[in-house]
Protein backbone atom coordinates (compact mmCIF):
# COMPACT_ATOMS: atom_id res chain seq x y z
CA MET A 1 0.00 0.00 0.00
CA VAL A 2 1.32 3.43 -0.91
CA GLU A 3 2.06 5.80 1.94
CA PRO A 4 0.88 9.41 1.60
CA VAL A 5 2.84 11.37 -0.96
CA ARG A 6 4.31 14.44 0.68
CA TYR A 7 6.57 17.15 -0.63
CA LEU A 8 9.08 17.01 2.23
CA VAL A 9 12.79 17.17 2.80
CA GLY A 10 14.53 14.15 4.28
CA CYS A 11 13.99 10.87 2.41
CA GLY A 12 15.97 11.58 -0.69
CA VAL A 13 14.71 13.24 -3.75
CA LEU A 14 9.40 15.80 -4.41
CA LEU A 15 8.38 15.79 -4.93
CA VAL A 16 6.76 18.20 -4.95
CA ALA A 17 6.72 17.05 -4.41
CA LEU A 18 6.10 18.77 -5.09
CA THR A 19 9.08 15.60 -2.72
CA ALA A 20 6.65 10.96 -2.62
CA CYS A 21 7.61 8.24 -0.25
CA SER A 22 5.98 4.86 -0.49
CA ALA A 23 5.68 1.99 1.93
CA GLY A 24 7.97 -0.68 0.42
CA GLU A 25 11.72 -0.44 -0.08
CA SER A 26 11.36 -0.03 -3.83
CA ASP A 27 8.67 2.60 -3.34
CA GLU A 28 10.90 4.42 -0.88
CA SER A 29 13.56 4.50 -3.55
CA SER A 30 10.97 5.76 -6.01
CA ALA A 31 10.15 8.49 -3.58
CA GLN A 32 13.52 9.99 -4.39
CA ALA A 33 11.97 10.97 -7.68
CA THR A 34 9.26 12.95 -6.05
CA ALA A 35 9.03 13.46 -2.34
CA ALA A 36 10.18 12.40 1.04
CA SER A 37 8.87 11.46 4.44
CA THR A 38 10.43 12.17 7.81
CA PRO A 39 11.11 9.33 10.27
CA GLU A 40 8.30 8.56 12.68
CA ALA A 41 10.66 8.90 15.61
CA SER A 42 11.55 12.54 14.88
CA LEU A 43 8.34 14.51 14.83
CA PRO A 44 9.13 18.16 14.00
CA ALA A 45 8.38 20.55 16.83
CA GLU A 46 6.14 22.65 14.62
CA GLU A 47 3.87 19.63 14.05
CA THR A 48 3.21 18.63 17.65
CA GLU A 49 -0.21 20.13 16.98
CA ALA A 50 -2.48 19.15 14.12
CA PRO A 51 -1.91 21.37 11.07
CA ALA A 52 -4.61 23.83 10.10
CA THR A 53 -6.86 23.27 7.09
CA THR A 54 -6.08 26.75 5.75
CA SER A 55 -2.89 28.76 5.27
CA GLY A 56 -3.26 32.53 5.28
CA PRO A 57 -5.80 33.29 2.53
CA LEU A 58 -5.44 29.79 1.01
CA THR A 59 -8.35 27.38 1.47
CA GLU A 60 -9.52 24.05 0.06
CA SER A 61 -11.16 25.92 -2.82
CA ASP A 62 -7.69 26.93 -4.08
CA LEU A 63 -6.73 23.26 -4.58
CA PRO A 64 -7.94 20.80 -7.21
CA ALA A 65 -10.97 18.70 -6.29
CA PRO A 66 -10.70 14.89 -6.50
CA GLN A 67 -12.70 14.85 -9.76
CA ASP A 68 -10.10 17.15 -11.31
CA LEU A 69 -7.70 14.20 -11.18
CA GLY A 70 -10.19 11.74 -12.66
CA SER A 71 -13.41 9.92 -11.89
CA ASP A 72 -11.84 7.31 -9.59
CA TRP A 73 -10.02 9.68 -7.19
CA GLU A 74 -11.15 10.41 -3.63
CA PRO A 75 -9.90 12.66 -0.81
CA TYR A 76 -7.45 10.91 1.51
CA SER A 77 -7.30 12.08 5.13
CA ASP A 78 -3.78 11.15 6.17
CA PRO A 79 -3.83 9.96 9.82
CA GLY A 80 -0.21 11.05 10.30
CA GLY A 81 2.35 9.11 12.29
CA HIS A 82 5.23 9.37 9.80
CA GLY A 83 6.71 12.69 10.77
CA TYR A 84 3.69 14.91 11.25
CA ARG A 85 0.22 15.09 12.76
CA GLY A 86 -2.97 14.22 10.97
CA ASN A 87 -5.82 16.70 11.25
CA GLY A 88 -8.81 14.62 10.16
CA SER A 89 -8.89 16.34 6.77
CA PHE A 90 -7.36 15.69 3.34
CA VAL A 91 -6.18 19.33 3.36
CA ARG A 92 -3.40 20.62 5.61
CA GLU A 93 -1.17 23.65 6.04
CA ARG A 94 2.51 23.08 5.24
CA ASP A 95 5.54 24.81 6.67
CA PRO A 96 6.77 27.08 3.82
CA HIS A 97 10.49 26.56 4.47
CA GLU A 98 10.17 22.79 4.76
CA LEU A 99 8.04 22.70 1.63
CA ALA A 100 10.47 24.75 -0.45
CA ALA A 101 13.35 22.48 0.58
CA GLY A 102 11.31 19.40 -0.31
CA LEU A 103 10.65 20.57 -3.86
CA VAL A 104 14.29 20.11 -4.87
CA PRO A 105 14.57 16.96 -7.07
CA LEU A 106 17.51 15.16 -5.49
CA GLY A 107 18.93 12.05 -7.13
CA CYS A 108 19.38 13.64 -10.56
CA ALA A 109 22.65 13.02 -12.34
CA GLY A 110 22.93 16.76 -13.04
CA VAL A 111 22.01 18.11 -9.57
CA ARG A 112 25.08 17.87 -7.37
CA GLN A 113 24.08 20.33 -4.68
CA ALA A 114 20.55 21.23 -3.66
CA PRO A 115 19.99 24.97 -4.15
CA GLY A 116 17.55 27.00 -2.11
CA LEU A 117 14.25 27.58 -3.88
CA PRO A 118 12.10 30.67 -3.18
CA VAL A 119 10.10 30.22 0.02
CA PRO A 120 6.37 31.01 -0.20
CA GLU A 121 4.48 33.00 2.41
CA HIS A 122 1.73 30.37 2.60
CA ALA A 123 1.44 26.70 1.55
CA LEU A 124 -1.53 24.34 1.54
CA GLU A 125 -1.56 20.64 0.60
CA ALA A 126 -4.23 18.07 -0.33
CA THR A 127 -3.82 14.29 -0.57
CA PHE A 128 -5.83 11.83 -2.66
CA ARG A 129 -6.16 8.09 -3.43
CA ASP A 130 -7.70 6.34 -6.42
CA SER A 131 -9.60 3.04 -6.59
CA GLU A 132 -6.33 1.14 -7.11
CA GLY A 133 -4.66 2.68 -4.07
CA ARG A 134 -2.43 5.02 -6.02
CA ALA A 135 -1.54 8.38 -4.51
CA ALA A 136 -1.68 12.01 -5.58
CA VAL A 137 -0.80 15.29 -3.93
CA ALA A 138 -1.76 18.86 -4.80
CA LEU A 139 -0.17 22.03 -3.45
CA VAL A 140 -0.94 25.71 -3.72
CA LEU A 141 1.76 28.20 -2.74
CA GLU A 142 1.33 31.94 -2.35
CA TYR A 143 4.38 34.18 -2.66
CA ALA A 144 4.93 37.76 -1.59
CA ASP A 145 4.95 38.89 -5.21
CA GLU A 146 4.81 37.64 -8.79
CA THR A 147 8.59 37.90 -9.15
CA ALA A 148 9.17 35.29 -6.44
CA ALA A 149 6.50 32.98 -7.88
CA THR A 150 8.07 33.29 -11.33
CA ALA A 151 11.49 32.48 -9.89
CA LEU A 152 10.16 29.30 -8.29
CA VAL A 153 8.82 27.98 -11.59
CA GLU A 154 11.94 28.95 -13.53
CA GLN A 155 14.35 27.49 -10.98
CA LEU A 156 12.34 24.30 -10.56
CA GLY A 157 12.15 23.90 -14.33
CA GLY A 158 15.92 24.32 -14.54
CA LEU A 159 16.48 21.66 -11.89
CA LEU A 160 14.17 19.19 -13.61
CA SER A 161 15.98 19.76 -16.91
CA SER A 162 19.12 18.51 -15.13
CA CYS A 163 17.58 15.04 -14.75
CA PRO A 164 17.92 13.45 -18.22
CA ASP A 165 18.28 9.73 -18.74
CA PRO A 166 22.00 9.10 -18.06
CA GLY A 167 22.11 6.84 -21.10
CA ALA A 168 24.68 4.61 -19.46
CA GLU A 169 25.02 2.16 -16.61
CA VAL A 170 24.54 3.78 -13.21
CA ASP A 171 25.44 2.26 -9.86
CA ARG A 172 22.52 3.60 -7.81
CA PRO A 173 18.90 4.68 -8.26
CA THR A 174 18.94 7.77 -10.47
CA LEU A 175 16.04 10.12 -11.08
CA VAL A 176 15.05 10.66 -14.71
CA VAL A 177 12.62 13.40 -15.71
CA ASP A 178 10.88 13.77 -19.07
CA LEU A 179 10.21 17.51 -19.13
CA LEU A 180 7.88 19.74 -21.13
CA ARG A 181 7.55 23.53 -20.86
CA PRO A 182 4.39 24.41 -22.86
CA ASP A 183 4.79 28.06 -21.82
CA PRO A 184 6.83 30.07 -19.29
CA THR A 185 4.23 29.61 -16.54
CA THR A 186 3.86 25.83 -16.88
CA ILE A 187 5.87 22.69 -16.16
CA GLN A 188 4.75 19.20 -17.16
CA SER A 189 6.96 16.25 -16.26
CA VAL A 190 7.10 12.49 -15.80
CA ARG A 191 9.45 11.20 -13.11
CA ARG A 192 10.91 7.71 -12.80
CA GLU A 193 14.07 6.00 -11.60
CA VAL A 194 16.67 3.93 -13.41
CA GLY A 195 19.59 1.90 -12.09
CA PRO A 196 20.06 -0.74 -9.39
CA GLY A 197 17.32 -0.62 -6.77
CA ALA A 198 15.22 1.79 -8.81
CA GLY A 199 11.58 2.05 -7.79
CA LYS A 200 8.90 0.90 -10.19
CA GLU A 201 6.60 3.85 -9.63
CA VAL A 202 6.12 6.55 -12.27
CA TRP A 203 4.85 10.00 -11.26
CA SER A 204 3.31 12.67 -13.49
CA GLU A 205 3.56 16.26 -12.30
CA VAL A 206 2.11 19.59 -13.36
CA VAL A 207 3.23 23.00 -12.08
CA VAL A 208 1.47 26.23 -12.99
CA ARG A 209 1.88 29.86 -12.00
CA ASP A 210 -0.96 32.35 -11.84
CA GLY A 211 0.16 35.76 -10.59
CA ARG A 212 1.90 35.26 -7.25
CA ARG A 213 0.45 31.79 -6.73
CA VAL A 214 1.94 28.48 -7.84
CA GLY A 215 0.00 25.22 -8.02
CA LEU A 216 1.61 21.77 -8.14
CA THR A 217 -0.04 18.39 -8.64
CA ILE A 218 1.77 15.05 -8.73
CA VAL A 219 -0.05 11.81 -9.58
CA GLN A 220 1.15 8.23 -9.32
CA LYS A 221 0.34 7.46 -12.97
CA PRO A 222 2.38 7.63 -16.18
CA ASP A 223 -0.55 8.35 -18.49
CA VAL A 224 -2.34 11.47 -17.27
CA ASP A 225 -4.01 13.94 -19.62
CA PHE A 226 -1.52 16.77 -19.10
CA ASP A 227 -3.55 19.40 -20.90
CA ASP A 228 -6.68 18.66 -18.86
CA LEU A 229 -4.82 18.45 -15.56
CA THR A 230 -2.98 21.70 -16.31
CA SER A 231 -6.22 23.50 -17.12
CA ARG A 232 -7.96 22.24 -13.97
CA LEU A 233 -5.00 23.08 -11.72
CA ARG A 234 -4.76 26.58 -13.16
CA ALA A 235 -8.48 27.16 -12.64
CA ALA A 236 -8.24 26.09 -8.99
CA VAL A 237 -5.14 28.15 -8.19
CA GLY A 238 -6.37 31.26 -9.98
């Protein structure tokens, strides 16, 4: 069973996610392609209380609804217990600094040192499951201004472009990203791992910017309708 996908720093390479950790060893390796989870034994001090279901002006209405991901997706209320507190909802506030650190795609052949990405003022996350138990996460970030939001998309796009297929034998799980940039405000990508111990999971991600807000959605499927998902994410964030 797949553990909740969380854009976090700690378990390798985002997802999000945009930083996604999974339950099995191979899934945990796959999580290096997307997200990370913190150890259960080291609960961050800021999460000794259940996270809020809003963040500043951001509310559930600023995130995609389950049907935006497809007809078989449902909200997933993460009970917590793997590094943070559950709050009884599928929507939770995220620490902006932790979230920004977790977006860095570690494990790429071309990313030797994790840079600091722009930190939003507010961050809100939603988690989902489909009928087959696959996971998805959506985020909406609000920055102080449009310049900072633009920088996040540009810098994240640059990092993802540094994750091509190495095209040769590798000695450890290596993140590979197939990247599209339909326009300057949009990122579409498919993440997977290659090499010994590589996870079998494939994750599809969309990032959009609307003004000073950035939306991110990552889905545990290789065959999403990118144009539809992009349109729905942009409508929610805007």
